[in-house]
Amino acid sequence: MDFLCDYLRLLTMGSENPHELEALMDQDLETHHHEETAVAGALTAMADGLPALGIVAAVLGVIHTMGSITEPPEILGHLIGAALVGTFFGIFVAYGFVGPMAAALGNIIEADSKFYQCIKAGLLAHVGGHPPVISVESARKDLPSDVRPSFAELEETFDNLPPVAN
């Protein structure tokens, strides 16, 4: 809403050059995208590092086991098993939880950016002098197909709008 209102405000103040407006929008969208992807990037980095942390836990467990090398096989077996739990845990959490969460967050951010692109396309088409129906059609093309209204749905909506009072 802020994105749309900011650029509508610019239009009401007389900013009618589509190229300048597009450059401002691109800069704004790049900043927004960079800010939004920071958390997903941090989660991805965490997911990438967790298996290594599990390996470190396993190595420490093996070092502890080597300190008990004179113990009977039953005790050594438990120590080796405990060492391998660290590797299992690191891989399980990385690929079972944190990695998928980072990917899902990235998908949400990508879908969100499509709506910003939709607003940008519609406003630029309007500033370019296109009729409202063409401006809306330009915006509609940027939406993902699962949420994009059909042309017929848009026509029906336009036909059912109340008349504008002069």
N, C-alpha and C. Protein backbone atom coordinates (compact mmCIF):
# COMPACT_ATOMS: atom_id res chain seq x y z
N MET A 1 0.83 -1.18 0.00
CA MET A 1 0.00 0.00 0.00
C MET A 1 0.88 1.25 0.00
N ASP A 2 1.95 1.21 0.80
CA ASP A 2 2.85 2.36 0.84
C ASP A 2 3.48 2.62 -0.53
N PHE A 3 3.89 1.55 -1.20
CA PHE A 3 4.50 1.66 -2.52
C PHE A 3 3.53 2.35 -3.48
N LEU A 4 2.30 1.86 -3.54
CA LEU A 4 1.29 2.42 -4.44
C LEU A 4 1.01 3.88 -4.07
N CYS A 5 0.80 4.16 -2.81
CA CYS A 5 0.48 5.53 -2.38
C CYS A 5 1.62 6.51 -2.67
N ASP A 6 2.86 6.06 -2.46
CA ASP A 6 4.01 6.93 -2.74
C ASP A 6 4.03 7.37 -4.20
N TYR A 7 3.79 6.44 -5.10
CA TYR A 7 3.88 6.77 -6.52
C TYR A 7 2.62 7.48 -7.02
N LEU A 8 1.48 7.22 -6.41
CA LEU A 8 0.29 8.00 -6.74
C LEU A 8 0.49 9.45 -6.29
N ARG A 9 1.13 9.63 -5.14
CA ARG A 9 1.43 10.97 -4.65
C ARG A 9 2.36 11.69 -5.62
N LEU A 10 3.38 10.99 -6.11
CA LEU A 10 4.28 11.60 -7.09
C LEU A 10 3.53 12.01 -8.35
N LEU A 11 2.59 11.18 -8.76
CA LEU A 11 1.81 11.51 -9.95
C LEU A 11 0.96 12.76 -9.72
N THR A 12 0.38 12.88 -8.54
CA THR A 12 -0.46 14.05 -8.26
C THR A 12 0.38 15.32 -8.13
N MET A 13 1.67 15.17 -7.84
CA MET A 13 2.55 16.33 -7.73
C MET A 13 3.14 16.72 -9.09
N GLY A 14 2.80 15.97 -10.13
CA GLY A 14 3.22 16.36 -11.46
C GLY A 14 4.34 15.54 -12.08
N SER A 15 4.74 14.47 -11.46
CA SER A 15 5.79 13.62 -12.03
C SER A 15 5.17 12.75 -13.12
N GLU A 16 5.31 13.20 -14.36
CA GLU A 16 4.65 12.50 -15.46
C GLU A 16 5.63 11.88 -16.45
N ASN A 17 6.92 11.95 -16.18
CA ASN A 17 7.90 11.34 -17.08
C ASN A 17 8.00 9.85 -16.74
N PRO A 18 7.54 8.99 -17.64
CA PRO A 18 7.54 7.55 -17.33
C PRO A 18 8.93 6.97 -17.07
N HIS A 19 9.95 7.51 -17.74
CA HIS A 19 11.30 6.97 -17.57
C HIS A 19 11.86 7.31 -16.18
N GLU A 20 11.61 8.53 -15.73
CA GLU A 20 12.06 8.92 -14.39
C GLU A 20 11.31 8.13 -13.33
N LEU A 21 10.01 7.99 -13.54
CA LEU A 21 9.19 7.24 -12.59
C LEU A 21 9.63 5.78 -12.53
N GLU A 22 9.91 5.20 -13.68
CA GLU A 22 10.36 3.80 -13.72
C GLU A 22 11.70 3.63 -13.02
N ALA A 23 12.61 4.58 -13.21
CA ALA A 23 13.91 4.50 -12.54
C ALA A 23 13.74 4.57 -11.03
N LEU A 24 12.85 5.46 -10.56
CA LEU A 24 12.60 5.55 -9.12
C LEU A 24 11.99 4.25 -8.59
N MET A 25 11.03 3.71 -9.34
CA MET A 25 10.40 2.46 -8.92
C MET A 25 11.39 1.31 -8.88
N ASP A 26 12.24 1.23 -9.90
CA ASP A 26 13.25 0.17 -9.92
C ASP A 26 14.18 0.25 -8.72
N GLN A 27 14.60 1.47 -8.39
CA GLN A 27 15.48 1.67 -7.23
C GLN A 27 14.75 1.26 -5.95
N ASP A 28 13.50 1.68 -5.83
CA ASP A 28 12.69 1.34 -4.65
C ASP A 28 12.50 -0.17 -4.55
N LEU A 29 12.19 -0.82 -5.67
CA LEU A 29 11.97 -2.26 -5.67
C LEU A 29 13.25 -3.03 -5.36
N GLU A 30 14.37 -2.54 -5.85
CA GLU A 30 15.65 -3.20 -5.57
C GLU A 30 15.97 -3.13 -4.07
N THR A 31 15.75 -1.96 -3.47
CA THR A 31 15.97 -1.80 -2.04
C THR A 31 15.04 -2.71 -1.25
N HIS A 32 13.78 -2.71 -1.62
CA HIS A 32 12.79 -3.55 -0.94
C HIS A 32 13.16 -5.02 -1.05
N HIS A 33 13.55 -5.45 -2.25
CA HIS A 33 13.90 -6.86 -2.46
C HIS A 33 15.14 -7.24 -1.64
N HIS A 34 16.11 -6.34 -1.60
CA HIS A 34 17.33 -6.60 -0.82
C HIS A 34 17.00 -6.76 0.66
N GLU A 35 16.15 -5.88 1.17
CA GLU A 35 15.77 -5.96 2.59
C GLU A 35 14.99 -7.23 2.88
N GLU A 36 14.07 -7.59 1.98
CA GLU A 36 13.23 -8.77 2.20
C GLU A 36 14.02 -10.07 2.14
N THR A 37 15.02 -10.13 1.28
CA THR A 37 15.76 -11.39 1.11
C THR A 37 16.84 -11.59 2.17
N ALA A 38 17.09 -10.60 3.02
CA ALA A 38 18.15 -10.73 4.03
C ALA A 38 17.85 -11.87 4.99
N VAL A 39 16.62 -12.00 5.44
CA VAL A 39 16.28 -13.05 6.41
C VAL A 39 16.37 -14.42 5.74
N ALA A 40 15.84 -14.53 4.52
CA ALA A 40 15.91 -15.80 3.80
C ALA A 40 17.37 -16.19 3.55
N GLY A 41 18.20 -15.21 3.25
CA GLY A 41 19.63 -15.48 3.05
C GLY A 41 20.31 -15.94 4.33
N ALA A 42 19.93 -15.35 5.45
CA ALA A 42 20.49 -15.77 6.74
C ALA A 42 20.07 -17.19 7.07
N LEU A 43 18.80 -17.53 6.81
CA LEU A 43 18.34 -18.90 7.06
C LEU A 43 19.05 -19.90 6.15
N THR A 44 19.27 -19.52 4.90
CA THR A 44 19.98 -20.40 3.97
C THR A 44 21.42 -20.63 4.44
N ALA A 45 22.06 -19.56 4.90
CA ALA A 45 23.43 -19.69 5.41
C ALA A 45 23.46 -20.60 6.64
N MET A 46 22.45 -20.47 7.49
CA MET A 46 22.38 -21.34 8.67
C MET A 46 22.19 -22.79 8.25
N ALA A 47 21.31 -23.02 7.29
CA ALA A 47 21.08 -24.38 6.80
C ALA A 47 22.34 -24.97 6.19
N ASP A 48 23.10 -24.13 5.50
CA ASP A 48 24.34 -24.60 4.89
C ASP A 48 25.40 -24.94 5.94
N GLY A 49 25.37 -24.25 7.08
CA GLY A 49 26.39 -24.46 8.10
C GLY A 49 26.07 -25.56 9.10
N LEU A 50 24.79 -25.91 9.24
CA LEU A 50 24.42 -26.90 10.25
C LEU A 50 25.05 -28.28 10.04
N PRO A 51 25.16 -28.81 8.80
CA PRO A 51 25.84 -30.10 8.65
C PRO A 51 27.30 -30.06 9.11
N ALA A 52 27.96 -28.94 8.86
CA ALA A 52 29.36 -28.81 9.31
C ALA A 52 29.43 -28.78 10.83
N LEU A 53 28.46 -28.13 11.45
CA LEU A 53 28.42 -28.12 12.91
C LEU A 53 28.20 -29.54 13.44
N GLY A 54 27.36 -30.31 12.75
CA GLY A 54 27.16 -31.71 13.13
C GLY A 54 28.43 -32.53 12.99
N ILE A 55 29.20 -32.24 11.95
CA ILE A 55 30.48 -32.95 11.76
C ILE A 55 31.45 -32.59 12.88
N VAL A 56 31.48 -31.33 13.29
CA VAL A 56 32.34 -30.91 14.40
C VAL A 56 31.94 -31.66 15.67
N ALA A 57 30.62 -31.78 15.89
CA ALA A 57 30.15 -32.53 17.07
C ALA A 57 30.60 -33.98 16.98
N ALA A 58 30.54 -34.56 15.78
CA ALA A 58 30.97 -35.95 15.61
C ALA A 58 32.47 -36.09 15.88
N VAL A 59 33.27 -35.17 15.39
CA VAL A 59 34.72 -35.22 15.61
C VAL A 59 35.03 -35.09 17.09
N LEU A 60 34.34 -34.19 17.77
CA LEU A 60 34.56 -34.06 19.21
C LEU A 60 34.17 -35.34 19.94
N GLY A 61 33.09 -35.97 19.47
CA GLY A 61 32.67 -37.25 20.07
C GLY A 61 33.70 -38.34 19.83
N VAL A 62 34.30 -38.36 18.65
CA VAL A 62 35.33 -39.36 18.35
C VAL A 62 36.57 -39.09 19.19
N ILE A 63 36.91 -37.83 19.38
CA ILE A 63 38.06 -37.50 20.24
C ILE A 63 37.80 -37.98 21.67
N HIS A 64 36.57 -37.74 22.14
CA HIS A 64 36.21 -38.24 23.48
C HIS A 64 36.28 -39.77 23.52
N THR A 65 35.85 -40.41 22.46
CA THR A 65 35.89 -41.88 22.38
C THR A 65 37.33 -42.37 22.41
N MET A 66 38.21 -41.70 21.69
CA MET A 66 39.62 -42.12 21.66
C MET A 66 40.26 -42.00 23.04
N GLY A 67 39.75 -41.08 23.84
CA GLY A 67 40.26 -40.96 25.21
C GLY A 67 39.80 -42.13 26.08
N SER A 68 38.83 -42.86 25.59
CA SER A 68 38.30 -44.01 26.34
C SER A 68 38.56 -45.31 25.60
N ILE A 69 39.59 -45.36 24.80
CA ILE A 69 39.87 -46.51 23.92
C ILE A 69 40.11 -47.80 24.70
N THR A 70 40.49 -47.70 25.96
CA THR A 70 40.76 -48.90 26.75
C THR A 70 39.48 -49.51 27.33
N GLU A 71 38.35 -48.85 27.14
CA GLU A 71 37.06 -49.34 27.66
C GLU A 71 36.59 -50.54 26.84
N PRO A 72 35.67 -51.32 27.39
CA PRO A 72 35.15 -52.47 26.66
C PRO A 72 34.31 -52.02 25.45
N PRO A 73 34.07 -52.91 24.47
CA PRO A 73 33.34 -52.56 23.24
C PRO A 73 31.94 -52.00 23.50
N GLU A 74 31.25 -52.43 24.53
CA GLU A 74 29.90 -51.92 24.80
C GLU A 74 29.93 -50.42 25.07
N ILE A 75 30.90 -49.99 25.85
CA ILE A 75 31.02 -48.56 26.19
C ILE A 75 31.49 -47.78 24.96
N LEU A 76 32.47 -48.34 24.23
CA LEU A 76 32.94 -47.67 23.01
C LEU A 76 31.80 -47.51 22.00
N GLY A 77 30.97 -48.54 21.90
CA GLY A 77 29.83 -48.47 20.98
C GLY A 77 28.89 -47.33 21.31
N HIS A 78 28.62 -47.15 22.58
CA HIS A 78 27.76 -46.04 23.01
C HIS A 78 28.42 -44.69 22.73
N LEU A 79 29.71 -44.60 22.97
CA LEU A 79 30.42 -43.34 22.72
C LEU A 79 30.45 -43.00 21.22
N ILE A 80 30.68 -44.01 20.39
CA ILE A 80 30.70 -43.78 18.93
C ILE A 80 29.30 -43.40 18.46
N GLY A 81 28.29 -44.07 18.99
CA GLY A 81 26.90 -43.73 18.64
C GLY A 81 26.56 -42.30 19.02
N ALA A 82 27.01 -41.89 20.20
CA ALA A 82 26.76 -40.51 20.64
C ALA A 82 27.47 -39.52 19.72
N ALA A 83 28.65 -39.87 19.24
CA ALA A 83 29.39 -38.99 18.33
C ALA A 83 28.63 -38.83 17.01
N LEU A 84 28.03 -39.91 16.53
CA LEU A 84 27.31 -39.86 15.25
C LEU A 84 25.98 -39.12 15.36
N VAL A 85 25.44 -39.02 16.57
CA VAL A 85 24.18 -38.28 16.76
C VAL A 85 24.36 -36.81 16.37
N GLY A 86 25.52 -36.25 16.63
CA GLY A 86 25.79 -34.85 16.26
C GLY A 86 25.68 -34.65 14.76
N THR A 87 26.26 -35.55 13.98
CA THR A 87 26.17 -35.46 12.52
C THR A 87 24.72 -35.60 12.06
N PHE A 88 24.04 -36.60 12.62
CA PHE A 88 22.64 -36.81 12.26
C PHE A 88 21.81 -35.56 12.57
N PHE A 89 21.99 -35.00 13.74
CA PHE A 89 21.20 -33.85 14.16
C PHE A 89 21.46 -32.65 13.24
N GLY A 90 22.73 -32.39 12.94
CA GLY A 90 23.06 -31.26 12.06
C GLY A 90 22.43 -31.40 10.68
N ILE A 91 22.53 -32.59 10.11
CA ILE A 91 21.96 -32.82 8.78
C ILE A 91 20.43 -32.80 8.82
N PHE A 92 19.85 -33.42 9.84
CA PHE A 92 18.40 -33.48 9.97
C PHE A 92 17.79 -32.09 10.10
N VAL A 93 18.37 -31.26 10.96
CA VAL A 93 17.83 -29.92 11.16
C VAL A 93 18.06 -29.05 9.92
N ALA A 94 19.22 -29.21 9.29
CA ALA A 94 19.52 -28.40 8.11
C ALA A 94 18.58 -28.72 6.95
N TYR A 95 18.48 -30.00 6.60
CA TYR A 95 17.72 -30.38 5.42
C TYR A 95 16.25 -30.67 5.72
N GLY A 96 15.93 -30.87 6.99
CA GLY A 96 14.55 -31.17 7.34
C GLY A 96 13.75 -29.97 7.80
N PHE A 97 14.43 -28.92 8.29
CA PHE A 97 13.70 -27.78 8.83
C PHE A 97 14.20 -26.44 8.28
N VAL A 98 15.44 -26.10 8.57
CA VAL A 98 15.92 -24.76 8.26
C VAL A 98 16.00 -24.52 6.75
N GLY A 99 16.52 -25.46 6.00
CA GLY A 99 16.60 -25.30 4.54
C GLY A 99 15.22 -25.13 3.90
N PRO A 100 14.26 -26.02 4.21
CA PRO A 100 12.92 -25.83 3.64
C PRO A 100 12.26 -24.52 4.09
N MET A 101 12.50 -24.09 5.32
CA MET A 101 11.95 -22.81 5.77
C MET A 101 12.53 -21.66 4.96
N ALA A 102 13.83 -21.71 4.70
CA ALA A 102 14.47 -20.65 3.90
C ALA A 102 13.92 -20.65 2.48
N ALA A 103 13.73 -21.83 1.90
CA ALA A 103 13.18 -21.91 0.54
C ALA A 103 11.74 -21.40 0.51
N ALA A 104 10.94 -21.76 1.49
CA ALA A 104 9.55 -21.30 1.54
C ALA A 104 9.50 -19.78 1.70
N LEU A 105 10.35 -19.24 2.55
CA LEU A 105 10.40 -17.79 2.73
C LEU A 105 10.82 -17.11 1.43
N GLY A 106 11.79 -17.69 0.74
CA GLY A 106 12.21 -17.15 -0.56
C GLY A 106 11.08 -17.15 -1.57
N ASN A 107 10.27 -18.21 -1.56
CA ASN A 107 9.12 -18.28 -2.48
C ASN A 107 8.08 -17.22 -2.14
N ILE A 108 7.85 -16.99 -0.86
CA ILE A 108 6.90 -15.96 -0.44
C ILE A 108 7.38 -14.58 -0.87
N ILE A 109 8.66 -14.33 -0.70
CA ILE A 109 9.23 -13.04 -1.09
C ILE A 109 9.12 -12.85 -2.60
N GLU A 110 9.40 -13.90 -3.35
CA GLU A 110 9.30 -13.83 -4.81
C GLU A 110 7.87 -13.55 -5.25
N ALA A 111 6.90 -14.22 -4.63
CA ALA A 111 5.49 -13.98 -4.97
C ALA A 111 5.09 -12.55 -4.61
N ASP A 112 5.58 -12.06 -3.47
CA ASP A 112 5.29 -10.70 -3.05
C ASP A 112 5.84 -9.69 -4.05
N SER A 113 7.03 -9.96 -4.59
CA SER A 113 7.63 -9.03 -5.54
C SER A 113 6.82 -8.96 -6.83
N LYS A 114 6.11 -10.02 -7.18
CA LYS A 114 5.25 -10.00 -8.37
C LYS A 114 4.14 -8.96 -8.23
N PHE A 115 3.62 -8.77 -7.02
CA PHE A 115 2.58 -7.78 -6.82
C PHE A 115 3.13 -6.37 -6.95
N TYR A 116 4.36 -6.16 -6.50
CA TYR A 116 4.99 -4.86 -6.70
C TYR A 116 5.21 -4.59 -8.19
N GLN A 117 5.64 -5.62 -8.92
CA GLN A 117 5.82 -5.47 -10.36
C GLN A 117 4.49 -5.16 -11.04
N CYS A 118 3.42 -5.75 -10.55
CA CYS A 118 2.08 -5.51 -11.08
C CYS A 118 1.71 -4.03 -10.92
N ILE A 119 1.92 -3.49 -9.73
CA ILE A 119 1.62 -2.09 -9.47
C ILE A 119 2.47 -1.20 -10.37
N LYS A 120 3.73 -1.53 -10.49
CA LYS A 120 4.64 -0.75 -11.33
C LYS A 120 4.16 -0.74 -12.77
N ALA A 121 3.82 -1.91 -13.31
CA ALA A 121 3.39 -1.99 -14.70
C ALA A 121 2.12 -1.18 -14.94
N GLY A 122 1.17 -1.29 -14.02
CA GLY A 122 -0.07 -0.54 -14.17
C GLY A 122 0.13 0.96 -14.13
N LEU A 123 0.93 1.43 -13.18
CA LEU A 123 1.17 2.86 -13.07
C LEU A 123 1.94 3.40 -14.28
N LEU A 124 2.95 2.66 -14.72
CA LEU A 124 3.73 3.11 -15.87
C LEU A 124 2.89 3.13 -17.14
N ALA A 125 1.99 2.16 -17.29
CA ALA A 125 1.11 2.17 -18.46
C ALA A 125 0.18 3.38 -18.40
N HIS A 126 -0.30 3.69 -17.22
CA HIS A 126 -1.17 4.87 -17.06
C HIS A 126 -0.42 6.16 -17.38
N VAL A 127 0.79 6.28 -16.84
CA VAL A 127 1.59 7.48 -17.09
C VAL A 127 1.96 7.56 -18.57
N GLY A 128 2.08 6.41 -19.22
CA GLY A 128 2.40 6.38 -20.64
C GLY A 128 1.22 6.77 -21.52
N GLY A 129 0.08 7.05 -20.92
CA GLY A 129 -1.06 7.53 -21.67
C GLY A 129 -2.02 6.45 -22.13
N HIS A 130 -1.87 5.24 -21.67
CA HIS A 130 -2.77 4.17 -22.09
C HIS A 130 -4.12 4.30 -21.39
N PRO A 131 -5.19 3.84 -22.03
CA PRO A 131 -6.50 3.85 -21.38
C PRO A 131 -6.47 2.94 -20.14
N PRO A 132 -7.36 3.20 -19.18
CA PRO A 132 -7.37 2.41 -17.94
C PRO A 132 -7.44 0.89 -18.17
N VAL A 133 -8.23 0.46 -19.14
CA VAL A 133 -8.36 -0.98 -19.39
C VAL A 133 -7.02 -1.58 -19.81
N ILE A 134 -6.28 -0.87 -20.63
CA ILE A 134 -4.96 -1.35 -21.08
C ILE A 134 -3.96 -1.29 -19.93
N SER A 135 -4.04 -0.25 -19.09
CA SER A 135 -3.15 -0.15 -17.93
C SER A 135 -3.38 -1.33 -16.98
N VAL A 136 -4.65 -1.65 -16.75
CA VAL A 136 -4.97 -2.79 -15.88
C VAL A 136 -4.50 -4.09 -16.52
N GLU A 137 -4.67 -4.20 -17.82
CA GLU A 137 -4.21 -5.42 -18.52
C GLU A 137 -2.70 -5.56 -18.42
N SER A 138 -1.98 -4.45 -18.53
CA SER A 138 -0.51 -4.48 -18.38
C SER A 138 -0.13 -4.96 -16.99
N ALA A 139 -0.86 -4.47 -15.99
CA ALA A 139 -0.57 -4.88 -14.61
C ALA A 139 -0.91 -6.35 -14.39
N ARG A 140 -2.03 -6.78 -14.94
CA ARG A 140 -2.51 -8.15 -14.75
C ARG A 140 -1.50 -9.18 -15.23
N LYS A 141 -0.77 -8.87 -16.27
CA LYS A 141 0.18 -9.83 -16.86
C LYS A 141 1.33 -10.17 -15.91
N ASP A 142 1.60 -9.31 -14.93
CA ASP A 142 2.70 -9.57 -13.99
C ASP A 142 2.30 -10.46 -12.83
N LEU A 143 1.01 -10.72 -12.68
CA LEU A 143 0.56 -11.54 -11.55
C LEU A 143 0.77 -13.03 -11.84
N PRO A 144 1.05 -13.82 -10.79
CA PRO A 144 1.14 -15.27 -10.98
C PRO A 144 -0.21 -15.82 -11.45
N SER A 145 -0.19 -16.85 -12.25
CA SER A 145 -1.41 -17.36 -12.88
C SER A 145 -2.44 -17.84 -11.86
N ASP A 146 -2.01 -18.27 -10.68
CA ASP A 146 -2.99 -18.77 -9.71
C ASP A 146 -3.82 -17.65 -9.05
N VAL A 147 -3.38 -16.40 -9.17
CA VAL A 147 -4.15 -15.28 -8.61
C VAL A 147 -4.54 -14.25 -9.68
N ARG A 148 -4.13 -14.49 -10.90
CA ARG A 148 -4.40 -13.53 -11.98
C ARG A 148 -5.86 -13.66 -12.42
N PRO A 149 -6.62 -12.55 -12.36
CA PRO A 149 -8.00 -12.61 -12.88
C PRO A 149 -7.97 -12.72 -14.40
N SER A 150 -8.95 -13.41 -14.95
CA SER A 150 -9.02 -13.52 -16.40
C SER A 150 -9.48 -12.20 -17.00
N PHE A 151 -9.30 -12.06 -18.31
CA PHE A 151 -9.74 -10.85 -18.98
C PHE A 151 -11.25 -10.70 -18.85
N ALA A 152 -11.97 -11.82 -18.94
CA ALA A 152 -13.43 -11.79 -18.81
C ALA A 152 -13.84 -11.33 -17.42
N GLU A 153 -13.13 -11.79 -16.39
CA GLU A 153 -13.44 -11.35 -15.02
C GLU A 153 -13.22 -9.85 -14.86
N LEU A 154 -12.15 -9.34 -15.47
CA LEU A 154 -11.90 -7.90 -15.41
C LEU A 154 -12.98 -7.12 -16.14
N GLU A 155 -13.37 -7.59 -17.32
CA GLU A 155 -14.43 -6.91 -18.07
C GLU A 155 -15.72 -6.86 -17.28
N GLU A 156 -16.06 -7.97 -16.64
CA GLU A 156 -17.27 -8.02 -15.83
C GLU A 156 -17.18 -7.04 -14.66
N THR A 157 -16.04 -6.97 -14.03
CA THR A 157 -15.84 -6.03 -12.92
C THR A 157 -15.99 -4.59 -13.40
N PHE A 158 -15.35 -4.28 -14.53
CA PHE A 158 -15.45 -2.91 -15.08
C PHE A 158 -16.91 -2.57 -15.44
N ASP A 159 -17.61 -3.54 -16.02
CA ASP A 159 -19.00 -3.30 -16.42
C ASP A 159 -19.90 -3.06 -15.21
N ASN A 160 -19.56 -3.65 -14.06
CA ASN A 160 -20.39 -3.52 -12.86
C ASN A 160 -20.00 -2.36 -11.96
N LEU A 161 -18.99 -1.57 -12.36
CA LEU A 161 -18.60 -0.41 -11.55
C LEU A 161 -19.67 0.66 -11.63
N PRO A 162 -19.90 1.35 -10.53
CA PRO A 162 -20.89 2.45 -10.59
C PRO A 162 -20.36 3.58 -11.47
N PRO A 163 -21.27 4.30 -12.10
CA PRO A 163 -20.84 5.41 -12.97
C PRO A 163 -20.14 6.50 -12.14
N VAL A 164 -19.19 7.17 -12.78
CA VAL A 164 -18.44 8.23 -12.13
C VAL A 164 -19.26 9.51 -12.23
N ALA A 165 -19.43 10.17 -11.09
CA ALA A 165 -20.18 11.42 -11.08
C ALA A 165 -19.28 12.55 -11.57
N ASN A 166 -19.84 13.42 -12.39
CA ASN A 166 -19.06 14.55 -12.92
C ASN A 166 -19.25 15.77 -12.11
